[in-house]
Amino acid sequence: MLYRSKKAMSPLIATVLLIAFAVALGTMIMNWGVEETRKSQVVQVGVDTTCRALASMSLQGPACYQDNKVKFTAKNIGVDRIDGVRLQVESADGNFQFDVRNSGMVSGESIDKEIPMLKPEGDVSLYFIPLVSQQGTIVECYVGQHEQNGLPRCS
C-alpha cells in the first residue's frame, strides 16, 4: 500500500523533458564547434602573418642547370630564421617537390646549393618555398616564396 500513493511521470512531462535535454545538448555541441573553428582560424592567420612579416627569400640570380644539377643561391631577406627551403618543380614530366638539405638561413644569410636532378622536358616552373618552424610544426610560407619560369643552362 505504500507504493500506491506514488504516481509515475506523465508521458507529456517526459516528452517535454526529453526535448529540453536534446535542445540543451545541441546548443552545447554548436558552441563547441564554433569555438574550435575560431581557434583554427586564429592559428591560420598567425601562420600567414608570420610568413608575410618574417620569412621571405630571394634568389641571387636565376637558378640554372648544369651537369645534372640545379644550382641556385638563395638569400633570406626576412627578419627571422628560415628553417629550410622546399623546391617544387612543375613540368611536362610531372610535378614533384622535395626539401633541400641543410638549407636553413638566418636573416641576411645566403646559401649556395647544387641539387642532383635530371632536367625536366618542356616548360619548367620552379618554386622556392621557405619553411619556418612555428610552435614545433614546419610551415610552408607561400607568401615569401620565389618563383622562376624556365631553367637555363649555367654559364
N, C-alpha and C. Protein backbone atom coordinates (compact mmCIF):
# COMPACT_ATOMS: atom_id res chain seq x y z
N MET A 1 0.81 -1.18 0.00
CA MET A 1 0.00 0.00 0.00
C MET A 1 0.86 1.26 0.00
N LEU A 2 2.03 1.07 0.38
CA LEU A 2 2.94 2.20 0.41
C LEU A 2 3.22 2.71 -1.01
N TYR A 3 3.23 1.82 -1.98
CA TYR A 3 3.54 2.19 -3.36
C TYR A 3 2.36 2.81 -4.09
N ARG A 4 1.19 2.66 -3.63
CA ARG A 4 0.02 3.18 -4.33
C ARG A 4 -0.06 4.69 -4.27
N SER A 5 0.54 5.31 -3.28
CA SER A 5 0.45 6.76 -3.16
C SER A 5 1.39 7.48 -4.15
N LYS A 6 2.39 6.77 -4.69
CA LYS A 6 3.31 7.38 -5.66
C LYS A 6 2.74 7.23 -7.05
N LYS A 7 2.89 8.30 -7.85
CA LYS A 7 2.39 8.25 -9.21
C LYS A 7 3.58 8.36 -10.17
N ALA A 8 3.48 7.78 -11.32
CA ALA A 8 4.51 7.84 -12.35
C ALA A 8 4.44 9.19 -13.06
N MET A 9 5.53 9.54 -13.76
CA MET A 9 5.58 10.77 -14.53
C MET A 9 4.67 10.62 -15.74
N SER A 10 3.94 11.66 -16.05
CA SER A 10 3.03 11.56 -17.19
C SER A 10 3.84 11.57 -18.49
N PRO A 11 3.34 10.95 -19.54
CA PRO A 11 4.05 10.93 -20.84
C PRO A 11 4.29 12.33 -21.40
N LEU A 12 3.42 13.26 -21.14
CA LEU A 12 3.58 14.62 -21.64
C LEU A 12 4.78 15.30 -20.99
N ILE A 13 4.92 15.17 -19.69
CA ILE A 13 6.05 15.77 -18.98
C ILE A 13 7.36 15.10 -19.42
N ALA A 14 7.35 13.79 -19.60
CA ALA A 14 8.54 13.07 -20.06
C ALA A 14 8.97 13.56 -21.44
N THR A 15 8.02 13.79 -22.33
CA THR A 15 8.33 14.28 -23.68
C THR A 15 8.94 15.67 -23.62
N VAL A 16 8.39 16.55 -22.81
CA VAL A 16 8.91 17.91 -22.67
C VAL A 16 10.33 17.88 -22.11
N LEU A 17 10.58 17.03 -21.13
CA LEU A 17 11.93 16.92 -20.56
C LEU A 17 12.93 16.39 -21.59
N LEU A 18 12.55 15.42 -22.40
CA LEU A 18 13.45 14.88 -23.44
C LEU A 18 13.77 15.94 -24.49
N ILE A 19 12.77 16.72 -24.88
CA ILE A 19 13.01 17.79 -25.87
C ILE A 19 13.95 18.84 -25.29
N ALA A 20 13.75 19.23 -24.03
CA ALA A 20 14.62 20.22 -23.39
C ALA A 20 16.05 19.70 -23.30
N PHE A 21 16.21 18.43 -22.97
CA PHE A 21 17.54 17.82 -22.90
C PHE A 21 18.21 17.83 -24.27
N ALA A 22 17.48 17.49 -25.32
CA ALA A 22 18.04 17.46 -26.67
C ALA A 22 18.45 18.87 -27.13
N VAL A 23 17.64 19.87 -26.82
CA VAL A 23 17.98 21.26 -27.19
C VAL A 23 19.22 21.71 -26.44
N ALA A 24 19.31 21.41 -25.17
CA ALA A 24 20.49 21.80 -24.39
C ALA A 24 21.75 21.12 -24.92
N LEU A 25 21.68 19.85 -25.24
CA LEU A 25 22.82 19.11 -25.78
C LEU A 25 23.24 19.67 -27.14
N GLY A 26 22.26 19.97 -28.00
CA GLY A 26 22.56 20.56 -29.30
C GLY A 26 23.23 21.91 -29.18
N THR A 27 22.79 22.73 -28.24
CA THR A 27 23.39 24.04 -28.01
C THR A 27 24.84 23.90 -27.57
N MET A 28 25.11 22.97 -26.70
CA MET A 28 26.49 22.74 -26.23
C MET A 28 27.39 22.31 -27.39
N ILE A 29 26.91 21.43 -28.23
CA ILE A 29 27.71 20.95 -29.36
C ILE A 29 27.97 22.08 -30.35
N MET A 30 26.97 22.90 -30.61
CA MET A 30 27.15 24.02 -31.54
C MET A 30 28.17 25.02 -31.00
N ASN A 31 28.12 25.33 -29.72
CA ASN A 31 29.08 26.25 -29.12
C ASN A 31 30.49 25.69 -29.19
N TRP A 32 30.65 24.40 -28.98
CA TRP A 32 31.96 23.76 -29.08
C TRP A 32 32.48 23.87 -30.52
N GLY A 33 31.63 23.62 -31.50
CA GLY A 33 32.05 23.69 -32.90
C GLY A 33 32.47 25.09 -33.31
N VAL A 34 31.74 26.10 -32.86
CA VAL A 34 32.08 27.49 -33.18
C VAL A 34 33.43 27.84 -32.56
N GLU A 35 33.66 27.43 -31.34
CA GLU A 35 34.93 27.72 -30.66
C GLU A 35 36.10 27.04 -31.35
N GLU A 36 35.95 25.79 -31.77
CA GLU A 36 37.03 25.08 -32.47
C GLU A 36 37.32 25.74 -33.81
N THR A 37 36.30 26.19 -34.52
CA THR A 37 36.51 26.88 -35.79
C THR A 37 37.25 28.18 -35.57
N ARG A 38 36.89 28.92 -34.55
CA ARG A 38 37.55 30.18 -34.24
C ARG A 38 39.03 29.94 -33.91
N LYS A 39 39.34 28.89 -33.15
CA LYS A 39 40.73 28.57 -32.82
C LYS A 39 41.54 28.27 -34.07
N SER A 40 41.00 27.47 -34.98
CA SER A 40 41.75 27.11 -36.19
C SER A 40 41.96 28.33 -37.07
N GLN A 41 41.02 29.27 -37.11
CA GLN A 41 41.21 30.49 -37.90
C GLN A 41 42.30 31.36 -37.31
N VAL A 42 42.38 31.42 -35.99
CA VAL A 42 43.42 32.21 -35.34
C VAL A 42 44.79 31.62 -35.65
N VAL A 43 44.94 30.31 -35.61
CA VAL A 43 46.21 29.67 -35.92
C VAL A 43 46.59 29.95 -37.36
N GLN A 44 45.65 29.84 -38.32
CA GLN A 44 45.95 30.08 -39.73
C GLN A 44 46.35 31.53 -39.96
N VAL A 45 45.65 32.48 -39.35
CA VAL A 45 46.00 33.89 -39.50
C VAL A 45 47.39 34.12 -38.92
N GLY A 46 47.70 33.48 -37.79
CA GLY A 46 49.02 33.63 -37.19
C GLY A 46 50.12 33.13 -38.10
N VAL A 47 49.93 32.01 -38.76
CA VAL A 47 50.93 31.46 -39.68
C VAL A 47 51.12 32.41 -40.85
N ASP A 48 50.03 32.89 -41.43
CA ASP A 48 50.11 33.78 -42.58
C ASP A 48 50.82 35.07 -42.21
N THR A 49 50.52 35.63 -41.04
CA THR A 49 51.16 36.85 -40.59
C THR A 49 52.65 36.63 -40.36
N THR A 50 53.02 35.52 -39.74
CA THR A 50 54.42 35.21 -39.51
C THR A 50 55.16 35.11 -40.83
N CYS A 51 54.59 34.41 -41.79
CA CYS A 51 55.23 34.24 -43.08
C CYS A 51 55.38 35.58 -43.80
N ARG A 52 54.35 36.38 -43.78
CA ARG A 52 54.38 37.65 -44.52
C ARG A 52 55.40 38.60 -43.90
N ALA A 53 55.47 38.66 -42.58
CA ALA A 53 56.32 39.65 -41.93
C ALA A 53 57.75 39.17 -41.72
N LEU A 54 57.94 37.88 -41.52
CA LEU A 54 59.24 37.41 -41.05
C LEU A 54 60.02 36.56 -42.04
N ALA A 55 59.36 35.73 -42.83
CA ALA A 55 60.06 34.76 -43.66
C ALA A 55 59.91 35.11 -45.13
N SER A 56 60.99 35.57 -45.72
CA SER A 56 60.97 35.88 -47.14
C SER A 56 62.35 35.60 -47.69
N MET A 57 62.39 35.14 -48.93
CA MET A 57 63.68 34.83 -49.54
C MET A 57 63.70 35.30 -50.98
N SER A 58 64.91 35.45 -51.51
CA SER A 58 65.07 35.79 -52.92
C SER A 58 66.23 34.97 -53.48
N LEU A 59 66.23 34.81 -54.78
CA LEU A 59 67.34 34.15 -55.45
C LEU A 59 68.32 35.20 -55.93
N GLN A 60 69.60 34.94 -55.75
CA GLN A 60 70.65 35.83 -56.23
C GLN A 60 70.99 35.39 -57.64
N GLY A 61 70.28 35.92 -58.61
CA GLY A 61 70.41 35.46 -59.99
C GLY A 61 69.48 34.28 -60.19
N PRO A 62 69.25 33.88 -61.44
CA PRO A 62 68.33 32.77 -61.68
C PRO A 62 68.96 31.42 -61.34
N ALA A 63 68.12 30.47 -60.97
CA ALA A 63 68.58 29.09 -60.82
C ALA A 63 68.93 28.59 -62.21
N CYS A 64 69.93 27.71 -62.29
CA CYS A 64 70.34 27.21 -63.60
C CYS A 64 70.64 25.71 -63.52
N TYR A 65 70.85 25.12 -64.69
CA TYR A 65 71.03 23.67 -64.80
C TYR A 65 72.35 23.36 -65.47
N GLN A 66 73.14 22.45 -64.84
CA GLN A 66 74.41 22.02 -65.41
C GLN A 66 74.83 20.72 -64.76
N ASP A 67 75.34 19.79 -65.57
CA ASP A 67 75.85 18.51 -65.09
C ASP A 67 74.83 17.76 -64.23
N ASN A 68 73.60 17.69 -64.69
CA ASN A 68 72.51 17.02 -63.98
C ASN A 68 72.29 17.57 -62.57
N LYS A 69 72.48 18.88 -62.42
CA LYS A 69 72.25 19.53 -61.14
C LYS A 69 71.56 20.88 -61.37
N VAL A 70 70.67 21.21 -60.46
CA VAL A 70 70.10 22.55 -60.41
C VAL A 70 70.93 23.34 -59.41
N LYS A 71 71.42 24.49 -59.84
CA LYS A 71 72.27 25.33 -58.98
C LYS A 71 71.54 26.63 -58.70
N PHE A 72 71.61 27.05 -57.44
CA PHE A 72 71.00 28.33 -57.09
C PHE A 72 71.64 28.90 -55.84
N THR A 73 71.51 30.20 -55.70
CA THR A 73 71.94 30.91 -54.49
C THR A 73 70.72 31.63 -53.95
N ALA A 74 70.36 31.32 -52.72
CA ALA A 74 69.19 31.93 -52.09
C ALA A 74 69.64 32.79 -50.92
N LYS A 75 68.89 33.85 -50.66
CA LYS A 75 69.18 34.74 -49.54
C LYS A 75 67.92 34.97 -48.73
N ASN A 76 68.08 34.92 -47.42
CA ASN A 76 66.98 35.22 -46.50
C ASN A 76 66.88 36.73 -46.39
N ILE A 77 65.82 37.31 -46.96
CA ILE A 77 65.63 38.76 -46.89
C ILE A 77 64.58 39.15 -45.85
N GLY A 78 64.14 38.16 -45.07
CA GLY A 78 63.20 38.42 -43.98
C GLY A 78 63.95 38.78 -42.71
N VAL A 79 63.21 38.95 -41.63
CA VAL A 79 63.82 39.32 -40.36
C VAL A 79 63.98 38.13 -39.42
N ASP A 80 63.47 36.97 -39.80
CA ASP A 80 63.55 35.80 -38.93
C ASP A 80 64.22 34.65 -39.66
N ARG A 81 64.56 33.62 -38.94
CA ARG A 81 65.23 32.46 -39.49
C ARG A 81 64.29 31.67 -40.41
N ILE A 82 64.84 31.22 -41.54
CA ILE A 82 64.16 30.26 -42.40
C ILE A 82 64.78 28.91 -42.08
N ASP A 83 63.96 27.95 -41.70
CA ASP A 83 64.46 26.65 -41.26
C ASP A 83 64.79 25.70 -42.41
N GLY A 84 64.34 26.03 -43.60
CA GLY A 84 64.63 25.18 -44.75
C GLY A 84 63.98 25.74 -45.99
N VAL A 85 64.30 25.11 -47.12
CA VAL A 85 63.73 25.51 -48.41
C VAL A 85 63.15 24.27 -49.07
N ARG A 86 61.96 24.40 -49.59
CA ARG A 86 61.31 23.33 -50.35
C ARG A 86 61.30 23.75 -51.82
N LEU A 87 61.81 22.89 -52.68
CA LEU A 87 61.81 23.16 -54.11
C LEU A 87 60.67 22.38 -54.74
N GLN A 88 59.80 23.11 -55.43
CA GLN A 88 58.67 22.49 -56.12
C GLN A 88 58.90 22.72 -57.62
N VAL A 89 58.85 21.63 -58.39
CA VAL A 89 59.10 21.69 -59.83
C VAL A 89 57.84 21.27 -60.56
N GLU A 90 57.42 22.09 -61.51
CA GLU A 90 56.26 21.76 -62.34
C GLU A 90 56.74 21.74 -63.79
N SER A 91 56.50 20.60 -64.47
CA SER A 91 56.93 20.46 -65.86
C SER A 91 56.02 19.48 -66.58
N ALA A 92 56.30 19.28 -67.87
CA ALA A 92 55.52 18.31 -68.65
C ALA A 92 55.74 16.90 -68.14
N ASP A 93 56.88 16.64 -67.50
CA ASP A 93 57.17 15.32 -66.93
C ASP A 93 56.37 15.02 -65.67
N GLY A 94 55.80 16.05 -65.10
CA GLY A 94 55.03 15.88 -63.86
C GLY A 94 55.46 16.93 -62.83
N ASN A 95 54.81 16.90 -61.72
CA ASN A 95 55.10 17.83 -60.64
C ASN A 95 55.70 17.06 -59.47
N PHE A 96 56.73 17.61 -58.87
CA PHE A 96 57.30 16.99 -57.68
C PHE A 96 57.91 18.07 -56.80
N GLN A 97 58.13 17.72 -55.55
CA GLN A 97 58.74 18.66 -54.62
C GLN A 97 59.62 17.89 -53.66
N PHE A 98 60.63 18.57 -53.15
CA PHE A 98 61.49 17.96 -52.16
C PHE A 98 62.13 19.05 -51.32
N ASP A 99 62.52 18.68 -50.11
CA ASP A 99 63.16 19.61 -49.20
C ASP A 99 64.66 19.64 -49.49
N VAL A 100 65.22 20.83 -49.59
CA VAL A 100 66.65 20.99 -49.84
C VAL A 100 67.38 20.79 -48.51
N ARG A 101 68.33 19.88 -48.50
CA ARG A 101 69.06 19.57 -47.26
C ARG A 101 69.93 20.75 -46.82
N ASN A 102 70.04 20.93 -45.51
CA ASN A 102 70.90 21.96 -44.91
C ASN A 102 70.66 23.34 -45.54
N SER A 103 69.40 23.72 -45.61
CA SER A 103 69.08 24.99 -46.27
C SER A 103 68.52 26.04 -45.30
N GLY A 104 68.76 25.87 -44.01
CA GLY A 104 68.33 26.88 -43.05
C GLY A 104 69.19 28.13 -43.17
N MET A 105 68.57 29.30 -42.96
CA MET A 105 69.29 30.57 -43.08
C MET A 105 68.79 31.55 -42.03
N VAL A 106 69.73 32.25 -41.39
CA VAL A 106 69.34 33.35 -40.52
C VAL A 106 69.14 34.59 -41.40
N SER A 107 68.60 35.63 -40.83
CA SER A 107 68.32 36.85 -41.59
C SER A 107 69.59 37.38 -42.24
N GLY A 108 69.52 37.66 -43.54
CA GLY A 108 70.65 38.20 -44.28
C GLY A 108 71.62 37.17 -44.82
N GLU A 109 71.49 35.92 -44.42
CA GLU A 109 72.42 34.87 -44.86
C GLU A 109 72.05 34.35 -46.24
N SER A 110 73.08 33.96 -47.00
CA SER A 110 72.90 33.36 -48.32
C SER A 110 73.42 31.93 -48.30
N ILE A 111 72.83 31.09 -49.14
CA ILE A 111 73.32 29.72 -49.30
C ILE A 111 73.47 29.41 -50.78
N ASP A 112 74.51 28.66 -51.12
CA ASP A 112 74.72 28.15 -52.48
C ASP A 112 74.40 26.66 -52.45
N LYS A 113 73.53 26.23 -53.35
CA LYS A 113 73.13 24.81 -53.37
C LYS A 113 73.21 24.25 -54.77
N GLU A 114 73.55 22.98 -54.85
CA GLU A 114 73.51 22.19 -56.07
C GLU A 114 72.69 20.95 -55.76
N ILE A 115 71.62 20.77 -56.52
CA ILE A 115 70.70 19.66 -56.26
C ILE A 115 70.71 18.71 -57.45
N PRO A 116 71.06 17.44 -57.21
CA PRO A 116 71.03 16.48 -58.32
C PRO A 116 69.60 16.32 -58.85
N MET A 117 69.46 16.45 -60.17
CA MET A 117 68.14 16.31 -60.77
C MET A 117 68.29 16.15 -62.28
N LEU A 118 67.57 15.22 -62.85
CA LEU A 118 67.52 15.11 -64.30
C LEU A 118 66.70 16.27 -64.83
N LYS A 119 67.16 16.85 -65.93
CA LYS A 119 66.46 18.02 -66.47
C LYS A 119 65.08 17.62 -66.97
N PRO A 120 64.04 18.28 -66.46
CA PRO A 120 62.69 18.01 -66.94
C PRO A 120 62.54 18.49 -68.38
N GLU A 121 61.69 17.84 -69.12
CA GLU A 121 61.43 18.22 -70.51
C GLU A 121 60.38 19.33 -70.58
N GLY A 122 60.49 20.16 -71.61
CA GLY A 122 59.48 21.18 -71.85
C GLY A 122 59.60 22.36 -70.91
N ASP A 123 58.50 23.10 -70.80
CA ASP A 123 58.47 24.27 -69.93
C ASP A 123 58.57 23.84 -68.48
N VAL A 124 59.36 24.58 -67.72
CA VAL A 124 59.60 24.26 -66.32
C VAL A 124 59.32 25.48 -65.47
N SER A 125 58.62 25.28 -64.36
CA SER A 125 58.44 26.33 -63.36
C SER A 125 59.01 25.82 -62.05
N LEU A 126 59.82 26.65 -61.42
CA LEU A 126 60.42 26.32 -60.13
C LEU A 126 59.85 27.24 -59.06
N TYR A 127 59.54 26.67 -57.91
CA TYR A 127 59.05 27.44 -56.77
C TYR A 127 59.95 27.12 -55.58
N PHE A 128 60.60 28.14 -55.06
CA PHE A 128 61.45 28.00 -53.88
C PHE A 128 60.64 28.52 -52.70
N ILE A 129 60.23 27.60 -51.83
CA ILE A 129 59.29 27.92 -50.75
C ILE A 129 60.03 27.89 -49.42
N PRO A 130 60.07 29.02 -48.68
CA PRO A 130 60.71 28.99 -47.36
C PRO A 130 59.87 28.20 -46.36
N LEU A 131 60.55 27.49 -45.49
CA LEU A 131 59.91 26.71 -44.43
C LEU A 131 60.32 27.32 -43.09
N VAL A 132 59.34 27.54 -42.22
CA VAL A 132 59.62 28.06 -40.88
C VAL A 132 59.00 27.13 -39.85
N SER A 133 59.60 27.13 -38.68
CA SER A 133 59.07 26.34 -37.57
C SER A 133 58.20 27.24 -36.72
N GLN A 134 56.95 26.82 -36.53
CA GLN A 134 56.04 27.60 -35.70
C GLN A 134 55.36 26.65 -34.73
N GLN A 135 55.60 26.86 -33.46
CA GLN A 135 55.04 26.03 -32.40
C GLN A 135 55.37 24.57 -32.64
N GLY A 136 56.61 24.30 -33.07
CA GLY A 136 57.07 22.93 -33.27
C GLY A 136 56.65 22.29 -34.57
N THR A 137 55.97 23.02 -35.43
CA THR A 137 55.49 22.48 -36.71
C THR A 137 56.15 23.24 -37.85
N ILE A 138 56.64 22.52 -38.86
CA ILE A 138 57.21 23.16 -40.04
C ILE A 138 56.07 23.63 -40.94
N VAL A 139 56.11 24.91 -41.32
CA VAL A 139 55.05 25.53 -42.10
C VAL A 139 55.64 26.08 -43.40
N GLU A 140 54.95 25.84 -44.52
CA GLU A 140 55.35 26.42 -45.80
C GLU A 140 54.87 27.86 -45.87
N CYS A 141 55.75 28.76 -46.26
CA CYS A 141 55.40 30.19 -46.37
C CYS A 141 55.30 30.56 -47.83
N TYR A 142 54.12 30.33 -48.41
CA TYR A 142 53.92 30.63 -49.83
C TYR A 142 54.03 32.12 -50.11
N VAL A 143 53.74 32.95 -49.11
CA VAL A 143 53.81 34.39 -49.29
C VAL A 143 55.25 34.82 -49.57
N GLY A 144 56.23 34.17 -48.95
CA GLY A 144 57.63 34.54 -49.11
C GLY A 144 58.36 33.73 -50.17
N GLN A 145 57.64 32.98 -50.99
CA GLN A 145 58.30 32.11 -51.96
C GLN A 145 58.85 32.90 -53.15
N HIS A 146 59.77 32.24 -53.85
CA HIS A 146 60.32 32.82 -55.07
C HIS A 146 59.96 31.90 -56.23
N GLU A 147 59.46 32.48 -57.31
CA GLU A 147 59.03 31.69 -58.47
C GLU A 147 59.93 32.00 -59.65
N GLN A 148 60.28 30.95 -60.40
CA GLN A 148 61.09 31.13 -61.60
C GLN A 148 60.50 30.28 -62.72
N ASN A 149 60.28 30.89 -63.87
CA ASN A 149 59.81 30.16 -65.04
C ASN A 149 61.01 29.90 -65.95
N GLY A 150 61.19 28.66 -66.31
CA GLY A 150 62.32 28.27 -67.15
C GLY A 150 63.51 27.86 -66.31
N LEU A 151 64.40 27.06 -66.91
CA LEU A 151 65.60 26.57 -66.25
C LEU A 151 66.76 26.65 -67.25
N PRO A 152 67.45 27.81 -67.31
CA PRO A 152 68.52 27.96 -68.28
C PRO A 152 69.76 27.15 -67.90
N ARG A 153 70.63 26.94 -68.89
CA ARG A 153 71.93 26.31 -68.61
C ARG A 153 72.82 27.32 -67.90
N CYS A 154 73.63 26.83 -66.98
CA CYS A 154 74.57 27.69 -66.26
C CYS A 154 75.67 28.12 -67.22
N SER A 155 76.13 29.35 -67.05
CA SER A 155 77.20 29.82 -67.93
C SER A 155 78.53 29.90 -67.18
